[in-house]
Amino acid sequence: MSLERGRLVLIGRIVGAHGVRGEVRVKPCTDSPDRFRGVARVFLGPADADVDAGASAGGNGYRPVDLESARSHGPLALVRIAGVADIDAALALKGMGLYLPVSELPRLPEGEFYSFELAGLKCESTTGKRLGVVVEVLEMPANDVLLVRPEKGPDFLVPAVSDIVRHVDLADGRLIIDDRPGLR
């Protein structure tokens, strides 16, 4: 799987305004509302767009915006965007997404992956049988779940846990799972 240099990844969705001075409430796409601390610039664009299909920095209605401040507020982040000075301007951004280029995402520890990196990987069993392609990563309360589409037959779900997902090889574009009875 190749990653384009300017490809954007959704890191949060604006869910509303906070106060009357232009701060926005952001639901981060990670477990940490502190995700926005130290981030100086993001791209603002439609939150429901298919950025994995090739949206890139500077194209398709995405525009760079500077972040003046960010702080956590429960499970949300409160973010001040440059040029957004009142509640009306903040409310106008509700439903928009905040994006970072792939090249600016923090490096993850060995053995951890961003969800978008798993979509498109070939799914194989530990015995080498081709099972399909990961088409989507679903975020669930307990753990992420991989939606796998076989060449024939119905899609099936694979819990993204170490007992089942045995190996991820991004360079080779494949994911190896323990194909247990009842999984498919």
N, C-alpha and C. Protein backbone atom coordinates (compact mmCIF):
# COMPACT_ATOMS: atom_id res chain seq x y z
N MET A 1 0.85 -1.17 0.00
CA MET A 1 0.00 0.00 0.00
C MET A 1 0.90 1.23 0.00
N SER A 2 0.67 2.14 -0.92
CA SER A 2 1.52 3.33 -0.96
C SER A 2 0.77 4.51 -0.34
N LEU A 3 1.52 5.34 0.34
CA LEU A 3 0.93 6.53 0.96
C LEU A 3 1.43 7.75 0.21
N GLU A 4 0.49 8.53 -0.30
CA GLU A 4 0.87 9.76 -0.98
C GLU A 4 1.39 10.75 0.03
N ARG A 5 2.35 11.55 -0.37
CA ARG A 5 3.01 12.47 0.54
C ARG A 5 2.03 13.43 1.21
N GLY A 6 1.07 13.96 0.48
CA GLY A 6 0.17 14.96 1.04
C GLY A 6 -1.17 14.40 1.50
N ARG A 7 -1.32 13.11 1.56
CA ARG A 7 -2.60 12.51 1.95
C ARG A 7 -2.97 12.94 3.36
N LEU A 8 -4.24 13.21 3.55
CA LEU A 8 -4.73 13.70 4.83
C LEU A 8 -5.44 12.61 5.62
N VAL A 9 -5.32 12.70 6.94
CA VAL A 9 -5.97 11.76 7.85
C VAL A 9 -6.81 12.56 8.84
N LEU A 10 -8.06 12.16 8.99
CA LEU A 10 -8.96 12.81 9.93
C LEU A 10 -8.47 12.55 11.35
N ILE A 11 -8.28 13.64 12.13
CA ILE A 11 -7.83 13.50 13.52
C ILE A 11 -8.89 13.98 14.51
N GLY A 12 -9.95 14.63 14.02
CA GLY A 12 -11.01 15.09 14.91
C GLY A 12 -12.17 15.70 14.15
N ARG A 13 -13.35 15.67 14.79
CA ARG A 13 -14.56 16.26 14.20
C ARG A 13 -15.06 17.38 15.11
N ILE A 14 -15.40 18.51 14.52
CA ILE A 14 -15.94 19.63 15.28
C ILE A 14 -17.41 19.32 15.58
N VAL A 15 -17.76 19.27 16.87
CA VAL A 15 -19.11 18.88 17.27
C VAL A 15 -19.93 20.05 17.81
N GLY A 16 -19.31 21.23 17.92
CA GLY A 16 -20.06 22.38 18.40
C GLY A 16 -19.15 23.50 18.87
N ALA A 17 -19.78 24.53 19.39
CA ALA A 17 -19.06 25.70 19.91
C ALA A 17 -18.93 25.55 21.42
N HIS A 18 -17.94 26.25 21.97
CA HIS A 18 -17.77 26.29 23.43
C HIS A 18 -17.62 27.76 23.81
N GLY A 19 -18.59 28.26 24.53
CA GLY A 19 -18.56 29.67 24.92
C GLY A 19 -18.91 30.58 23.76
N VAL A 20 -18.66 31.87 23.97
CA VAL A 20 -19.06 32.87 22.96
C VAL A 20 -17.87 33.48 22.23
N ARG A 21 -16.65 33.05 22.55
CA ARG A 21 -15.45 33.67 21.97
C ARG A 21 -14.81 32.87 20.85
N GLY A 22 -15.52 31.89 20.29
CA GLY A 22 -15.04 31.21 19.10
C GLY A 22 -14.36 29.87 19.28
N GLU A 23 -14.25 29.38 20.52
CA GLU A 23 -13.66 28.05 20.70
C GLU A 23 -14.62 27.00 20.15
N VAL A 24 -14.04 25.92 19.61
CA VAL A 24 -14.86 24.82 19.12
C VAL A 24 -14.59 23.57 19.95
N ARG A 25 -15.64 22.73 20.09
CA ARG A 25 -15.52 21.44 20.75
C ARG A 25 -15.20 20.41 19.68
N VAL A 26 -14.14 19.64 19.91
CA VAL A 26 -13.68 18.67 18.92
C VAL A 26 -13.68 17.27 19.53
N LYS A 27 -14.30 16.32 18.82
CA LYS A 27 -14.23 14.91 19.23
C LYS A 27 -13.03 14.32 18.51
N PRO A 28 -11.96 13.98 19.26
CA PRO A 28 -10.77 13.44 18.60
C PRO A 28 -11.00 12.03 18.08
N CYS A 29 -10.28 11.66 17.06
CA CYS A 29 -10.37 10.31 16.49
C CYS A 29 -9.39 9.36 17.17
N THR A 30 -8.92 9.74 18.33
CA THR A 30 -8.05 8.89 19.13
C THR A 30 -8.63 8.82 20.53
N ASP A 31 -7.99 8.07 21.39
CA ASP A 31 -8.46 7.97 22.77
C ASP A 31 -8.09 9.19 23.61
N SER A 32 -7.29 10.10 23.05
CA SER A 32 -6.77 11.19 23.85
C SER A 32 -7.27 12.56 23.39
N PRO A 33 -7.99 13.27 24.26
CA PRO A 33 -8.39 14.63 23.92
C PRO A 33 -7.19 15.59 23.89
N ASP A 34 -6.04 15.15 24.41
CA ASP A 34 -4.82 15.97 24.36
C ASP A 34 -4.16 15.91 22.99
N ARG A 35 -4.76 15.20 22.06
CA ARG A 35 -4.21 15.01 20.72
C ARG A 35 -3.82 16.32 20.03
N PHE A 36 -4.50 17.40 20.34
CA PHE A 36 -4.31 18.66 19.63
C PHE A 36 -3.27 19.58 20.28
N ARG A 37 -2.83 19.23 21.48
CA ARG A 37 -1.80 20.06 22.13
C ARG A 37 -0.51 19.99 21.32
N GLY A 38 0.06 21.14 21.08
CA GLY A 38 1.31 21.20 20.33
C GLY A 38 1.13 21.16 18.83
N VAL A 39 -0.09 21.02 18.34
CA VAL A 39 -0.34 21.03 16.89
C VAL A 39 -0.61 22.47 16.49
N ALA A 40 0.19 22.99 15.58
CA ALA A 40 0.08 24.40 15.20
C ALA A 40 -0.82 24.62 13.99
N ARG A 41 -0.87 23.66 13.08
CA ARG A 41 -1.65 23.84 11.85
C ARG A 41 -2.29 22.52 11.46
N VAL A 42 -3.55 22.60 11.05
CA VAL A 42 -4.29 21.45 10.55
C VAL A 42 -4.98 21.88 9.26
N PHE A 43 -5.62 20.92 8.62
CA PHE A 43 -6.45 21.23 7.46
C PHE A 43 -7.90 21.05 7.87
N LEU A 44 -8.74 21.99 7.47
CA LEU A 44 -10.16 21.97 7.76
C LEU A 44 -10.88 21.51 6.50
N GLY A 45 -11.77 20.54 6.65
CA GLY A 45 -12.50 20.03 5.50
C GLY A 45 -13.71 19.25 5.93
N PRO A 46 -14.45 18.72 4.96
CA PRO A 46 -15.66 17.95 5.30
C PRO A 46 -15.31 16.69 6.07
N ALA A 47 -15.98 16.45 7.20
CA ALA A 47 -15.65 15.31 8.07
C ALA A 47 -16.10 13.99 7.48
N ASP A 48 -17.05 13.99 6.57
CA ASP A 48 -17.57 12.74 6.03
C ASP A 48 -16.95 12.39 4.69
N ALA A 49 -15.92 13.12 4.28
CA ALA A 49 -15.29 12.86 2.98
C ALA A 49 -14.47 11.58 3.05
N ASP A 50 -14.26 10.97 1.90
CA ASP A 50 -13.46 9.75 1.82
C ASP A 50 -12.01 10.15 1.56
N VAL A 51 -11.31 10.56 2.61
CA VAL A 51 -9.94 11.02 2.44
C VAL A 51 -9.01 9.90 2.02
N ASP A 52 -9.35 8.66 2.32
CA ASP A 52 -8.50 7.56 1.89
C ASP A 52 -8.56 7.38 0.38
N ALA A 53 -9.55 7.98 -0.27
CA ALA A 53 -9.65 7.85 -1.71
C ALA A 53 -8.80 8.88 -2.43
N GLY A 54 -7.97 9.62 -1.72
CA GLY A 54 -7.02 10.48 -2.39
C GLY A 54 -7.10 11.96 -2.08
N ALA A 55 -7.90 12.36 -1.12
CA ALA A 55 -7.92 13.77 -0.76
C ALA A 55 -6.53 14.17 -0.30
N SER A 56 -6.12 15.35 -0.69
CA SER A 56 -4.77 15.74 -0.31
C SER A 56 -4.73 17.19 0.12
N ALA A 57 -3.67 17.52 0.80
CA ALA A 57 -3.47 18.88 1.29
C ALA A 57 -3.55 19.84 0.11
N GLY A 58 -4.35 20.86 0.27
CA GLY A 58 -4.47 21.87 -0.77
C GLY A 58 -5.50 21.55 -1.83
N GLY A 59 -6.18 20.42 -1.73
CA GLY A 59 -7.16 20.08 -2.75
C GLY A 59 -8.48 19.67 -2.14
N ASN A 60 -9.51 19.59 -3.00
CA ASN A 60 -10.83 19.08 -2.62
C ASN A 60 -11.49 19.84 -1.47
N GLY A 61 -11.26 21.14 -1.35
CA GLY A 61 -11.93 21.93 -0.32
C GLY A 61 -11.28 21.91 1.04
N TYR A 62 -10.09 21.38 1.15
CA TYR A 62 -9.37 21.36 2.42
C TYR A 62 -8.50 22.60 2.48
N ARG A 63 -8.60 23.33 3.60
CA ARG A 63 -7.79 24.54 3.71
C ARG A 63 -7.01 24.52 5.01
N PRO A 64 -5.80 25.03 4.98
CA PRO A 64 -5.00 25.05 6.21
C PRO A 64 -5.53 26.11 7.17
N VAL A 65 -5.54 25.76 8.45
CA VAL A 65 -5.91 26.71 9.50
C VAL A 65 -4.91 26.57 10.64
N ASP A 66 -4.61 27.70 11.29
CA ASP A 66 -3.70 27.68 12.44
C ASP A 66 -4.50 27.49 13.71
N LEU A 67 -3.95 26.68 14.62
CA LEU A 67 -4.57 26.47 15.92
C LEU A 67 -3.86 27.38 16.92
N GLU A 68 -4.63 28.20 17.62
CA GLU A 68 -4.06 29.13 18.59
C GLU A 68 -3.92 28.48 19.96
N SER A 69 -4.83 27.56 20.28
CA SER A 69 -4.75 26.85 21.57
C SER A 69 -5.58 25.59 21.50
N ALA A 70 -5.27 24.67 22.41
CA ALA A 70 -6.04 23.44 22.54
C ALA A 70 -5.90 22.93 23.97
N ARG A 71 -7.02 22.44 24.51
CA ARG A 71 -7.00 21.89 25.86
C ARG A 71 -8.06 20.80 25.94
N SER A 72 -7.86 19.88 26.86
CA SER A 72 -8.84 18.80 26.99
C SER A 72 -10.01 19.27 27.86
N HIS A 73 -11.15 18.69 27.60
CA HIS A 73 -12.39 18.99 28.32
C HIS A 73 -13.20 17.70 28.34
N GLY A 74 -12.93 16.85 29.34
CA GLY A 74 -13.54 15.52 29.36
C GLY A 74 -13.04 14.73 28.17
N PRO A 75 -13.94 14.08 27.45
CA PRO A 75 -13.50 13.30 26.29
C PRO A 75 -13.27 14.15 25.04
N LEU A 76 -13.55 15.43 25.13
CA LEU A 76 -13.41 16.34 23.98
C LEU A 76 -12.18 17.22 24.13
N ALA A 77 -11.84 17.90 23.05
CA ALA A 77 -10.81 18.93 23.07
C ALA A 77 -11.48 20.26 22.77
N LEU A 78 -11.04 21.29 23.44
CA LEU A 78 -11.51 22.65 23.15
C LEU A 78 -10.39 23.33 22.37
N VAL A 79 -10.70 23.75 21.15
CA VAL A 79 -9.68 24.26 20.23
C VAL A 79 -10.06 25.66 19.77
N ARG A 80 -9.06 26.53 19.75
CA ARG A 80 -9.24 27.88 19.21
C ARG A 80 -8.54 27.93 17.85
N ILE A 81 -9.34 28.20 16.82
CA ILE A 81 -8.83 28.28 15.45
C ILE A 81 -8.66 29.75 15.09
N ALA A 82 -7.52 30.10 14.53
CA ALA A 82 -7.24 31.49 14.13
C ALA A 82 -8.34 31.98 13.19
N GLY A 83 -8.83 33.18 13.46
CA GLY A 83 -9.86 33.78 12.63
C GLY A 83 -11.28 33.45 13.05
N VAL A 84 -11.45 32.54 13.98
CA VAL A 84 -12.79 32.18 14.49
C VAL A 84 -12.93 32.89 15.83
N ALA A 85 -13.65 34.04 15.81
CA ALA A 85 -13.64 34.93 16.96
C ALA A 85 -14.93 34.98 17.77
N ASP A 86 -16.00 34.34 17.27
CA ASP A 86 -17.25 34.40 18.02
C ASP A 86 -18.05 33.11 17.87
N ILE A 87 -19.12 33.02 18.60
CA ILE A 87 -19.92 31.80 18.61
C ILE A 87 -20.51 31.49 17.24
N ASP A 88 -20.91 32.51 16.49
CA ASP A 88 -21.49 32.27 15.17
C ASP A 88 -20.47 31.62 14.22
N ALA A 89 -19.25 32.12 14.24
CA ALA A 89 -18.20 31.54 13.39
C ALA A 89 -17.87 30.12 13.84
N ALA A 90 -17.89 29.88 15.15
CA ALA A 90 -17.62 28.54 15.67
C ALA A 90 -18.73 27.57 15.29
N LEU A 91 -19.98 28.00 15.43
CA LEU A 91 -21.11 27.14 15.07
C LEU A 91 -21.14 26.81 13.58
N ALA A 92 -20.65 27.71 12.76
CA ALA A 92 -20.60 27.48 11.30
C ALA A 92 -19.65 26.34 10.94
N LEU A 93 -18.74 26.00 11.84
CA LEU A 93 -17.77 24.92 11.59
C LEU A 93 -18.25 23.55 12.07
N LYS A 94 -19.40 23.52 12.75
CA LYS A 94 -19.91 22.25 13.27
C LYS A 94 -20.05 21.25 12.13
N GLY A 95 -19.54 20.04 12.37
CA GLY A 95 -19.60 18.99 11.36
C GLY A 95 -18.37 18.91 10.47
N MET A 96 -17.48 19.88 10.59
CA MET A 96 -16.25 19.87 9.79
C MET A 96 -15.21 18.97 10.46
N GLY A 97 -14.24 18.55 9.69
CA GLY A 97 -13.17 17.71 10.20
C GLY A 97 -11.85 18.44 10.25
N LEU A 98 -11.00 18.01 11.17
CA LEU A 98 -9.63 18.53 11.26
C LEU A 98 -8.71 17.40 10.82
N TYR A 99 -7.78 17.71 9.93
CA TYR A 99 -6.93 16.71 9.29
C TYR A 99 -5.46 17.07 9.44
N LEU A 100 -4.62 16.05 9.43
CA LEU A 100 -3.17 16.22 9.36
C LEU A 100 -2.65 15.41 8.18
N PRO A 101 -1.60 15.90 7.52
CA PRO A 101 -0.96 15.06 6.50
C PRO A 101 -0.35 13.82 7.15
N VAL A 102 -0.36 12.72 6.45
CA VAL A 102 0.21 11.47 6.97
C VAL A 102 1.64 11.69 7.45
N SER A 103 2.39 12.50 6.72
CA SER A 103 3.80 12.73 7.07
C SER A 103 3.98 13.43 8.41
N GLU A 104 2.92 14.05 8.95
CA GLU A 104 3.02 14.77 10.22
C GLU A 104 2.43 14.00 11.41
N LEU A 105 1.94 12.80 11.17
CA LEU A 105 1.41 11.99 12.27
C LEU A 105 2.55 11.52 13.15
N PRO A 106 2.33 11.44 14.44
CA PRO A 106 3.39 10.93 15.33
C PRO A 106 3.71 9.48 15.01
N ARG A 107 4.99 9.13 15.14
CA ARG A 107 5.40 7.74 14.95
C ARG A 107 4.82 6.90 16.09
N LEU A 108 4.37 5.73 15.75
CA LEU A 108 3.81 4.82 16.75
C LEU A 108 4.87 3.81 17.17
N PRO A 109 4.72 3.28 18.37
CA PRO A 109 5.65 2.23 18.82
C PRO A 109 5.56 1.00 17.92
N GLU A 110 6.61 0.21 17.93
CA GLU A 110 6.66 -1.04 17.16
C GLU A 110 5.43 -1.89 17.46
N GLY A 111 4.80 -2.40 16.42
CA GLY A 111 3.65 -3.27 16.59
C GLY A 111 2.32 -2.55 16.68
N GLU A 112 2.31 -1.21 16.62
CA GLU A 112 1.07 -0.44 16.62
C GLU A 112 0.90 0.21 15.26
N PHE A 113 -0.37 0.35 14.85
CA PHE A 113 -0.66 0.87 13.52
C PHE A 113 -1.83 1.82 13.58
N TYR A 114 -1.85 2.77 12.66
CA TYR A 114 -3.03 3.62 12.51
C TYR A 114 -4.09 2.81 11.76
N SER A 115 -5.35 3.03 12.08
CA SER A 115 -6.44 2.29 11.45
C SER A 115 -6.41 2.41 9.93
N PHE A 116 -6.15 3.59 9.41
CA PHE A 116 -6.18 3.77 7.96
C PHE A 116 -5.11 2.93 7.26
N GLU A 117 -4.06 2.54 7.97
CA GLU A 117 -3.00 1.73 7.37
C GLU A 117 -3.44 0.29 7.13
N LEU A 118 -4.46 -0.17 7.85
CA LEU A 118 -4.92 -1.55 7.73
C LEU A 118 -5.89 -1.76 6.57
N ALA A 119 -6.65 -0.71 6.23
CA ALA A 119 -7.59 -0.82 5.12
C ALA A 119 -6.81 -1.05 3.82
N GLY A 120 -7.23 -2.06 3.08
CA GLY A 120 -6.57 -2.39 1.82
C GLY A 120 -5.59 -3.55 1.92
N LEU A 121 -5.27 -3.97 3.14
CA LEU A 121 -4.35 -5.10 3.30
C LEU A 121 -5.03 -6.41 2.91
N LYS A 122 -4.26 -7.31 2.30
CA LYS A 122 -4.76 -8.65 2.01
C LYS A 122 -4.81 -9.42 3.33
N CYS A 123 -5.90 -10.10 3.57
CA CYS A 123 -6.06 -10.88 4.79
C CYS A 123 -5.82 -12.35 4.46
N GLU A 124 -4.91 -12.98 5.22
CA GLU A 124 -4.57 -14.38 5.03
C GLU A 124 -4.64 -15.10 6.36
N SER A 125 -4.83 -16.43 6.28
CA SER A 125 -4.83 -17.23 7.50
C SER A 125 -3.39 -17.62 7.84
N THR A 126 -3.18 -18.14 9.03
CA THR A 126 -1.85 -18.58 9.44
C THR A 126 -1.36 -19.74 8.59
N THR A 127 -2.28 -20.41 7.88
CA THR A 127 -1.90 -21.51 6.99
C THR A 127 -1.63 -21.03 5.57
N GLY A 128 -1.75 -19.72 5.33
CA GLY A 128 -1.47 -19.16 4.01
C GLY A 128 -2.67 -19.02 3.10
N LYS A 129 -3.85 -19.39 3.57
CA LYS A 129 -5.06 -19.28 2.75
C LYS A 129 -5.48 -17.82 2.63
N ARG A 130 -5.76 -17.39 1.40
CA ARG A 130 -6.24 -16.03 1.18
C ARG A 130 -7.70 -15.94 1.59
N LEU A 131 -7.98 -14.97 2.45
CA LEU A 131 -9.33 -14.84 2.99
C LEU A 131 -10.08 -13.63 2.45
N GLY A 132 -9.37 -12.64 1.93
CA GLY A 132 -10.01 -11.45 1.41
C GLY A 132 -9.16 -10.22 1.62
N VAL A 133 -9.82 -9.08 1.63
CA VAL A 133 -9.15 -7.78 1.78
C VAL A 133 -9.84 -7.00 2.90
N VAL A 134 -9.06 -6.36 3.74
CA VAL A 134 -9.62 -5.50 4.78
C VAL A 134 -10.16 -4.25 4.08
N VAL A 135 -11.46 -4.04 4.17
CA VAL A 135 -12.07 -2.89 3.49
C VAL A 135 -12.37 -1.73 4.43
N GLU A 136 -12.44 -2.03 5.74
CA GLU A 136 -12.75 -0.96 6.69
C GLU A 136 -12.35 -1.40 8.09
N VAL A 137 -12.00 -0.41 8.92
CA VAL A 137 -11.73 -0.67 10.33
C VAL A 137 -12.84 0.03 11.12
N LEU A 138 -13.60 -0.76 11.85
CA LEU A 138 -14.73 -0.24 12.63
C LEU A 138 -14.26 -0.02 14.06
N GLU A 139 -14.49 1.17 14.59
CA GLU A 139 -14.13 1.48 15.97
C GLU A 139 -15.27 1.08 16.88
N MET A 140 -15.01 0.12 17.74
CA MET A 140 -16.02 -0.38 18.67
C MET A 140 -15.56 -0.06 20.09
N PRO A 141 -16.47 -0.09 21.06
CA PRO A 141 -16.08 0.24 22.44
C PRO A 141 -14.97 -0.66 23.01
N ALA A 142 -15.04 -1.94 22.77
CA ALA A 142 -14.05 -2.85 23.37
C ALA A 142 -12.74 -2.88 22.59
N ASN A 143 -12.83 -2.97 21.27
CA ASN A 143 -11.65 -3.00 20.40
C ASN A 143 -12.09 -2.74 18.96
N ASP A 144 -11.13 -2.40 18.11
CA ASP A 144 -11.45 -2.21 16.71
C ASP A 144 -11.80 -3.56 16.09
N VAL A 145 -12.58 -3.51 15.01
CA VAL A 145 -12.99 -4.71 14.29
C VAL A 145 -12.70 -4.47 12.81
N LEU A 146 -12.10 -5.46 12.16
CA LEU A 146 -11.76 -5.37 10.74
C LEU A 146 -12.89 -5.96 9.91
N LEU A 147 -13.34 -5.22 8.91
CA LEU A 147 -14.33 -5.73 7.97
C LEU A 147 -13.57 -6.29 6.79
N VAL A 148 -13.66 -7.61 6.59
CA VAL A 148 -12.92 -8.28 5.53
C VAL A 148 -13.88 -8.70 4.44
N ARG A 149 -13.52 -8.42 3.18
CA ARG A 149 -14.34 -8.78 2.03
C ARG A 149 -13.64 -9.87 1.24
N PRO A 150 -14.19 -11.10 1.24
CA PRO A 150 -13.60 -12.18 0.45
C PRO A 150 -13.95 -12.02 -1.03
N GLU A 151 -13.25 -12.77 -1.89
CA GLU A 151 -13.57 -12.71 -3.32
C GLU A 151 -14.98 -13.23 -3.56
N LYS A 152 -15.37 -14.26 -2.82
CA LYS A 152 -16.72 -14.83 -2.94
C LYS A 152 -17.31 -14.97 -1.54
N GLY A 153 -18.58 -14.76 -1.45
CA GLY A 153 -19.25 -14.91 -0.16
C GLY A 153 -19.40 -13.60 0.57
N PRO A 154 -20.05 -13.66 1.72
CA PRO A 154 -20.33 -12.43 2.48
C PRO A 154 -19.10 -11.91 3.22
N ASP A 155 -19.12 -10.61 3.48
CA ASP A 155 -18.09 -9.99 4.31
C ASP A 155 -18.12 -10.63 5.69
N PHE A 156 -16.99 -10.57 6.39
CA PHE A 156 -16.96 -11.05 7.76
C PHE A 156 -16.13 -10.11 8.62
N LEU A 157 -16.35 -10.20 9.94
CA LEU A 157 -15.70 -9.32 10.89
C LEU A 157 -14.61 -10.06 11.65
N VAL A 158 -13.48 -9.36 11.85
CA VAL A 158 -12.36 -9.93 12.59
C VAL A 158 -12.01 -8.98 13.72
N PRO A 159 -12.12 -9.43 14.98
CA PRO A 159 -11.69 -8.56 16.09
C PRO A 159 -10.19 -8.25 15.96
N ALA A 160 -9.84 -7.00 16.08
CA ALA A 160 -8.43 -6.58 15.96
C ALA A 160 -7.75 -6.74 17.32
N VAL A 161 -7.58 -7.99 17.72
CA VAL A 161 -6.91 -8.32 18.98
C VAL A 161 -5.75 -9.27 18.68
N SER A 162 -4.74 -9.26 19.53
CA SER A 162 -3.52 -10.03 19.27
C SER A 162 -3.75 -11.54 19.22
N ASP A 163 -4.79 -12.05 19.88
CA ASP A 163 -5.08 -13.48 19.82
C ASP A 163 -5.52 -13.92 18.43
N ILE A 164 -6.07 -12.99 17.66
CA ILE A 164 -6.58 -13.34 16.33
C ILE A 164 -5.70 -12.74 15.23
N VAL A 165 -5.38 -11.46 15.33
CA VAL A 165 -4.50 -10.84 14.34
C VAL A 165 -3.07 -11.16 14.76
N ARG A 166 -2.43 -12.06 14.03
CA ARG A 166 -1.12 -12.57 14.42
C ARG A 166 0.04 -11.75 13.89
N HIS A 167 -0.14 -11.13 12.69
CA HIS A 167 0.98 -10.38 12.10
C HIS A 167 0.44 -9.36 11.11
N VAL A 168 1.01 -8.17 11.14
CA VAL A 168 0.69 -7.12 10.18
C VAL A 168 1.97 -6.76 9.46
N ASP A 169 1.94 -6.85 8.14
CA ASP A 169 3.11 -6.53 7.32
C ASP A 169 2.71 -5.44 6.33
N LEU A 170 2.91 -4.18 6.75
CA LEU A 170 2.51 -3.06 5.89
C LEU A 170 3.31 -3.03 4.60
N ALA A 171 4.60 -3.34 4.68
CA ALA A 171 5.46 -3.30 3.49
C ALA A 171 4.98 -4.29 2.43
N ASP A 172 4.52 -5.45 2.85
CA ASP A 172 4.07 -6.49 1.93
C ASP A 172 2.56 -6.41 1.68
N GLY A 173 1.87 -5.53 2.42
CA GLY A 173 0.44 -5.32 2.22
C GLY A 173 -0.43 -6.49 2.67
N ARG A 174 -0.05 -7.14 3.77
CA ARG A 174 -0.87 -8.27 4.21
C ARG A 174 -1.01 -8.32 5.72
N LEU A 175 -2.06 -9.01 6.13
CA LEU A 175 -2.40 -9.17 7.53
C LEU A 175 -2.70 -10.65 7.73
N ILE A 176 -2.08 -11.27 8.72
CA ILE A 176 -2.25 -12.70 8.97
C ILE A 176 -3.13 -12.87 10.21
N ILE A 177 -4.19 -13.70 10.07
CA ILE A 177 -5.08 -13.94 11.20
C ILE A 177 -5.15 -15.42 11.52
N ASP A 178 -5.53 -15.72 12.75
CA ASP A 178 -5.81 -17.07 13.18
C ASP A 178 -7.27 -17.33 12.78
N ASP A 179 -7.46 -18.05 11.69
CA ASP A 179 -8.80 -18.30 11.14
C ASP A 179 -9.51 -19.38 11.94
N ARG A 180 -10.23 -18.97 12.95
CA ARG A 180 -10.90 -19.90 13.88
C ARG A 180 -12.30 -20.27 13.40
N PRO A 181 -12.78 -21.43 13.84
CA PRO A 181 -14.17 -21.79 13.52
C PRO A 181 -15.13 -20.72 14.06
N GLY A 182 -16.10 -20.37 13.26
CA GLY A 182 -17.10 -19.37 13.65
C GLY A 182 -16.71 -17.94 13.33
N LEU A 183 -15.46 -17.75 12.89
CA LEU A 183 -15.04 -16.38 12.57
C LEU A 183 -15.66 -15.88 11.28
N ARG A 184 -15.78 -16.81 10.31
CA ARG A 184 -16.36 -16.42 9.02
C ARG A 184 -17.71 -17.05 8.82
